[in-house]
Protein backbone atom coordinates (compact mmCIF):
# COMPACT_ATOMS: atom_id res chain seq x y z
CA MET A 1 -75.06 -29.19 42.95
CA LYS A 2 -71.99 -27.85 44.60
CA ARG A 3 -69.99 -30.90 43.92
CA ARG A 4 -70.92 -30.52 40.14
CA TRP A 5 -69.72 -26.97 39.98
CA ILE A 6 -66.50 -28.03 41.76
CA ALA A 7 -65.93 -30.85 39.24
CA LEU A 8 -66.78 -28.61 36.31
CA GLY A 9 -64.35 -26.00 37.56
CA ALA A 10 -61.72 -28.67 37.91
CA LEU A 11 -62.29 -29.75 34.43
CA ALA A 12 -62.04 -26.30 33.20
CA GLY A 13 -58.94 -25.75 35.01
CA LEU A 14 -57.56 -28.96 33.49
CA LEU A 15 -58.55 -27.90 29.97
CA VAL A 16 -56.68 -24.41 30.41
CA MET A 17 -53.66 -26.07 31.77
CA GLY A 18 -53.68 -28.49 28.86
CA LEU A 19 -53.99 -25.57 26.27
CA THR A 20 -51.28 -23.74 27.99
CA ALA A 21 -48.95 -26.82 27.94
CA CYS A 22 -49.67 -27.26 24.15
CA THR A 23 -48.80 -23.58 23.60
CA ILE A 24 -45.55 -23.89 25.54
CA PHE A 25 -44.38 -27.20 23.96
CA MET A 26 -45.53 -26.29 20.48
CA THR A 27 -42.58 -25.97 18.32
CA LEU A 28 -42.20 -22.32 16.94
CA PRO A 29 -40.19 -21.51 13.86
CA GLN A 30 -36.73 -20.42 14.46
CA ALA A 31 -34.57 -18.53 11.85
CA VAL A 32 -30.78 -19.19 12.14
CA ILE A 33 -28.41 -17.95 9.54
CA GLU A 34 -24.56 -18.10 9.09
CA ALA A 35 -22.43 -16.42 6.31
CA ILE A 36 -19.09 -17.24 5.16
CA PRO A 37 -17.07 -14.96 4.59
CA GLN A 38 -18.81 -11.87 5.92
CA MET A 39 -16.29 -9.59 4.73
CA GLY A 40 -13.96 -9.34 1.70
CA PRO A 41 -13.13 -7.43 -1.57
CA ALA A 42 -15.66 -7.29 -4.50
CA PRO A 43 -16.72 -9.53 -6.20
CA LEU A 44 -17.47 -11.51 -2.97
CA GLU A 45 -18.83 -14.95 -3.06
CA VAL A 46 -20.78 -15.82 0.16
CA THR A 47 -22.11 -19.00 1.22
CA PHE A 48 -25.16 -18.87 3.56
CA ASP A 49 -25.90 -21.86 5.86
CA ILE A 50 -29.54 -21.94 7.23
CA SER A 51 -29.58 -25.60 8.40
CA GLY A 52 -30.08 -24.64 11.96
CA SER A 53 -33.31 -23.21 11.24
CA LYS A 54 -36.69 -24.69 12.10
CA GLY A 55 -39.97 -24.24 10.01
CA GLN A 56 -41.86 -25.02 6.75
CA VAL A 57 -40.56 -22.58 4.29
CA PHE A 58 -37.89 -19.72 4.13
CA THR A 59 -37.23 -16.55 2.27
CA LEU A 60 -33.65 -15.17 2.22
CA ASP A 61 -33.27 -11.65 1.04
CA PHE A 62 -29.66 -10.96 0.12
CA GLY A 63 -29.99 -6.99 0.66
CA ASP A 64 -28.61 -6.15 -2.77
CA GLY A 65 -31.87 -5.72 -4.72
CA SER A 66 -31.64 -9.23 -6.33
CA LEU A 67 -34.62 -11.44 -6.22
CA PRO A 68 -34.93 -13.16 -2.73
CA GLN A 69 -34.49 -17.02 -2.69
CA GLU A 70 -37.32 -18.98 -1.42
CA GLY A 71 -37.75 -22.79 -0.54
CA THR A 72 -38.54 -25.57 1.77
CA ASP A 73 -35.00 -27.29 1.66
CA PHE A 74 -33.04 -25.96 4.67
CA ALA A 75 -30.20 -28.26 4.35
CA ASP A 76 -28.40 -27.25 1.19
CA PRO A 77 -25.97 -24.16 1.57
CA ILE A 78 -27.04 -21.07 -0.62
CA GLU A 79 -24.41 -19.21 -2.48
CA HIS A 80 -24.70 -15.59 -3.79
CA THR A 81 -22.11 -13.33 -5.28
CA TYR A 82 -22.04 -9.57 -4.53
CA GLY A 83 -20.56 -7.57 -7.34
CA ASP A 84 -20.21 -4.02 -5.80
CA PRO A 85 -18.63 -2.77 -2.58
CA GLY A 86 -21.00 -1.80 0.48
CA ASP A 87 -22.72 -3.10 3.36
CA TYR A 88 -25.70 -5.53 2.66
CA VAL A 89 -28.10 -6.61 5.33
CA VAL A 90 -29.20 -10.14 4.60
CA THR A 91 -32.54 -11.22 6.29
CA LEU A 92 -33.72 -14.78 6.56
CA THR A 93 -37.43 -15.30 7.29
CA VAL A 94 -38.76 -18.79 8.35
CA GLU A 95 -42.56 -19.54 8.60
CA ASP A 96 -44.51 -22.64 9.72
CA ALA A 97 -47.65 -24.11 8.73
CA ARG A 98 -49.76 -22.07 11.14
CA GLY A 99 -48.38 -18.79 9.82
CA ASN A 100 -45.90 -18.07 12.66
CA MET A 101 -42.82 -16.36 11.58
CA ASP A 102 -39.26 -15.70 12.84
CA THR A 103 -36.50 -13.57 11.29
CA ALA A 104 -32.60 -13.40 11.53
CA SER A 105 -30.12 -11.25 9.69
CA VAL A 106 -26.47 -10.90 9.17
CA THR A 107 -24.52 -7.93 7.57
CA ILE A 108 -22.06 -8.58 4.57
CA LYS A 109 -19.25 -6.03 4.29
CA VAL A 110 -17.95 -5.93 0.56
CA GLN A 111 -14.76 -3.87 0.29
CA TYR A 112 -13.20 -2.18 -2.65
CA PRO A 113 -10.61 -4.52 -4.20
CA PRO A 114 -7.09 -3.48 -4.02
CA VAL A 115 -5.58 -1.45 -7.19
CA PHE A 116 -1.96 -1.23 -7.65
CA ALA A 117 0.14 0.27 -10.55
CA VAL A 118 3.24 -1.73 -11.44
CA LEU A 119 5.51 -0.65 -14.23
CA ASP A 120 8.50 -2.59 -15.34
CA VAL A 121 11.14 -1.07 -17.66
CA SER A 122 13.80 -2.56 -19.60
CA VAL A 123 16.53 -1.32 -21.97
CA GLN A 124 16.38 -2.36 -25.71
CA THR A 125 18.64 -2.23 -28.61
CA PRO A 126 19.58 0.45 -29.44
CA PRO A 127 19.99 1.57 -25.94
CA ASP A 128 17.73 4.62 -26.25
CA THR A 129 14.80 2.52 -26.77
CA PHE A 130 12.99 0.90 -23.68
CA ALA A 131 10.15 -1.52 -23.03
CA PHE A 132 7.41 -0.56 -20.84
CA ASP A 133 5.22 -3.43 -19.20
CA ALA A 134 2.39 -2.64 -16.82
CA SER A 135 0.77 -6.09 -17.17
CA ASP A 136 1.49 -7.02 -13.70
CA SER A 137 -0.77 -4.17 -12.34
CA VAL A 138 -3.33 -5.49 -9.77
CA GLY A 139 -7.07 -4.79 -9.80
CA SER A 140 -10.10 -4.52 -11.87
CA ILE A 141 -8.54 -1.83 -13.96
CA ASP A 142 -10.51 0.18 -16.46
CA LYS A 143 -8.39 2.97 -17.53
CA TYR A 144 -4.71 3.84 -17.80
CA THR A 145 -2.24 6.65 -18.57
CA LEU A 146 1.47 6.18 -19.30
CA ASP A 147 3.59 9.29 -19.40
CA PHE A 148 7.00 8.67 -20.64
CA GLY A 149 8.52 11.83 -19.04
CA ASP A 150 9.63 13.42 -22.29
CA GLY A 151 6.25 14.98 -23.37
CA THR A 152 4.89 11.83 -24.86
CA VAL A 153 1.72 10.34 -23.11
CA ILE A 154 -0.41 7.16 -24.06
CA GLY A 155 -3.49 5.81 -22.46
CA GLY A 156 -7.04 4.51 -22.93
CA ASP A 157 -8.85 1.37 -22.00
CA TRP A 158 -7.03 -1.26 -20.12
CA ASP A 159 -8.73 -4.12 -21.93
CA THR A 160 -7.21 -3.10 -25.34
CA ALA A 161 -3.80 -2.26 -24.12
CA VAL A 162 -1.01 -4.48 -25.40
CA TRP A 163 2.21 -4.90 -23.21
CA PRO A 164 5.01 -4.15 -23.51
CA VAL A 165 4.97 -0.70 -25.20
CA TYR A 166 8.15 0.39 -26.77
CA HIS A 167 9.31 3.96 -26.54
CA THR A 168 12.51 5.65 -27.94
CA TYR A 169 13.97 8.71 -26.27
CA THR A 170 15.49 11.31 -28.81
CA GLN A 171 17.82 12.93 -26.12
CA THR A 172 20.23 11.65 -23.60
CA GLY A 173 18.98 12.32 -19.94
CA SER A 174 17.13 11.32 -17.04
CA TYR A 175 13.31 10.68 -17.36
CA ILE A 176 10.53 10.05 -14.85
CA ALA A 177 7.95 7.61 -16.44
CA THR A 178 4.67 7.57 -14.64
CA LEU A 179 1.87 5.05 -14.83
CA TRP A 180 -1.59 5.84 -13.62
CA VAL A 181 -4.44 3.31 -13.50
CA GLU A 182 -7.93 3.63 -12.48
CA ASP A 183 -10.44 0.67 -11.69
CA ILE A 184 -13.99 0.19 -12.39
CA TYR A 185 -15.00 1.64 -9.01
CA GLY A 186 -13.15 4.93 -9.65
CA LYS A 187 -10.15 4.09 -7.43
CA ASP A 188 -6.77 4.86 -8.67
CA ASP A 189 -3.07 4.29 -8.18
CA GLU A 190 0.17 5.51 -9.70
CA THR A 191 3.90 4.56 -9.75
CA MET A 192 6.96 6.28 -11.30
CA VAL A 193 10.16 4.74 -12.63
CA ILE A 194 13.34 6.66 -13.49
CA VAL A 195 14.59 5.83 -16.93
CA GLU A 196 18.24 6.68 -17.62
CA VAL A 197 19.09 7.29 -21.35
CA PRO A 198 22.73 6.98 -21.81
CA ALA A 199 24.73 8.98 -24.29
CA PRO A 200 25.29 7.65 -27.80
């Protein structure tokens, strides 16, 4: 009887060791995410690489309120465009057939795009008429104001502006023309140009 209990004990021990070994060597899901680029001005297109992950299915939450992407193909890169500046935490969740899960995250920093007011001024004929061209201004510009420096001011929506704009000064003198622009994010910039109007 004693030998039987010893044999049963040894068998139970082997069974426990076998189950432990299965648990140790069982492949658990692993979430791995890489993002290129992780920082840049809006709109920012980011490519996510999750090919290093292991599992059956994945869910990729872009962190900007858009619908998460789900699938089973880990090989293909995933592209997503962030339209607004801000910090977005992207979360990848990987799950296997047994319901085990793993997560990984990366932060995408979307910066405000640059905005620069650029004003080119050239004299026309007659010499008291000038051409003002702001078309080389940089940024997602929404509104503009152009002050010719003699009390005349124009402005409005950038999309409807036609450049160059011609302006005639009625008096000889030195004038400071100022261009102000504002982009769709509320960021602004201005530049000034001195306009010399010669005597007739």
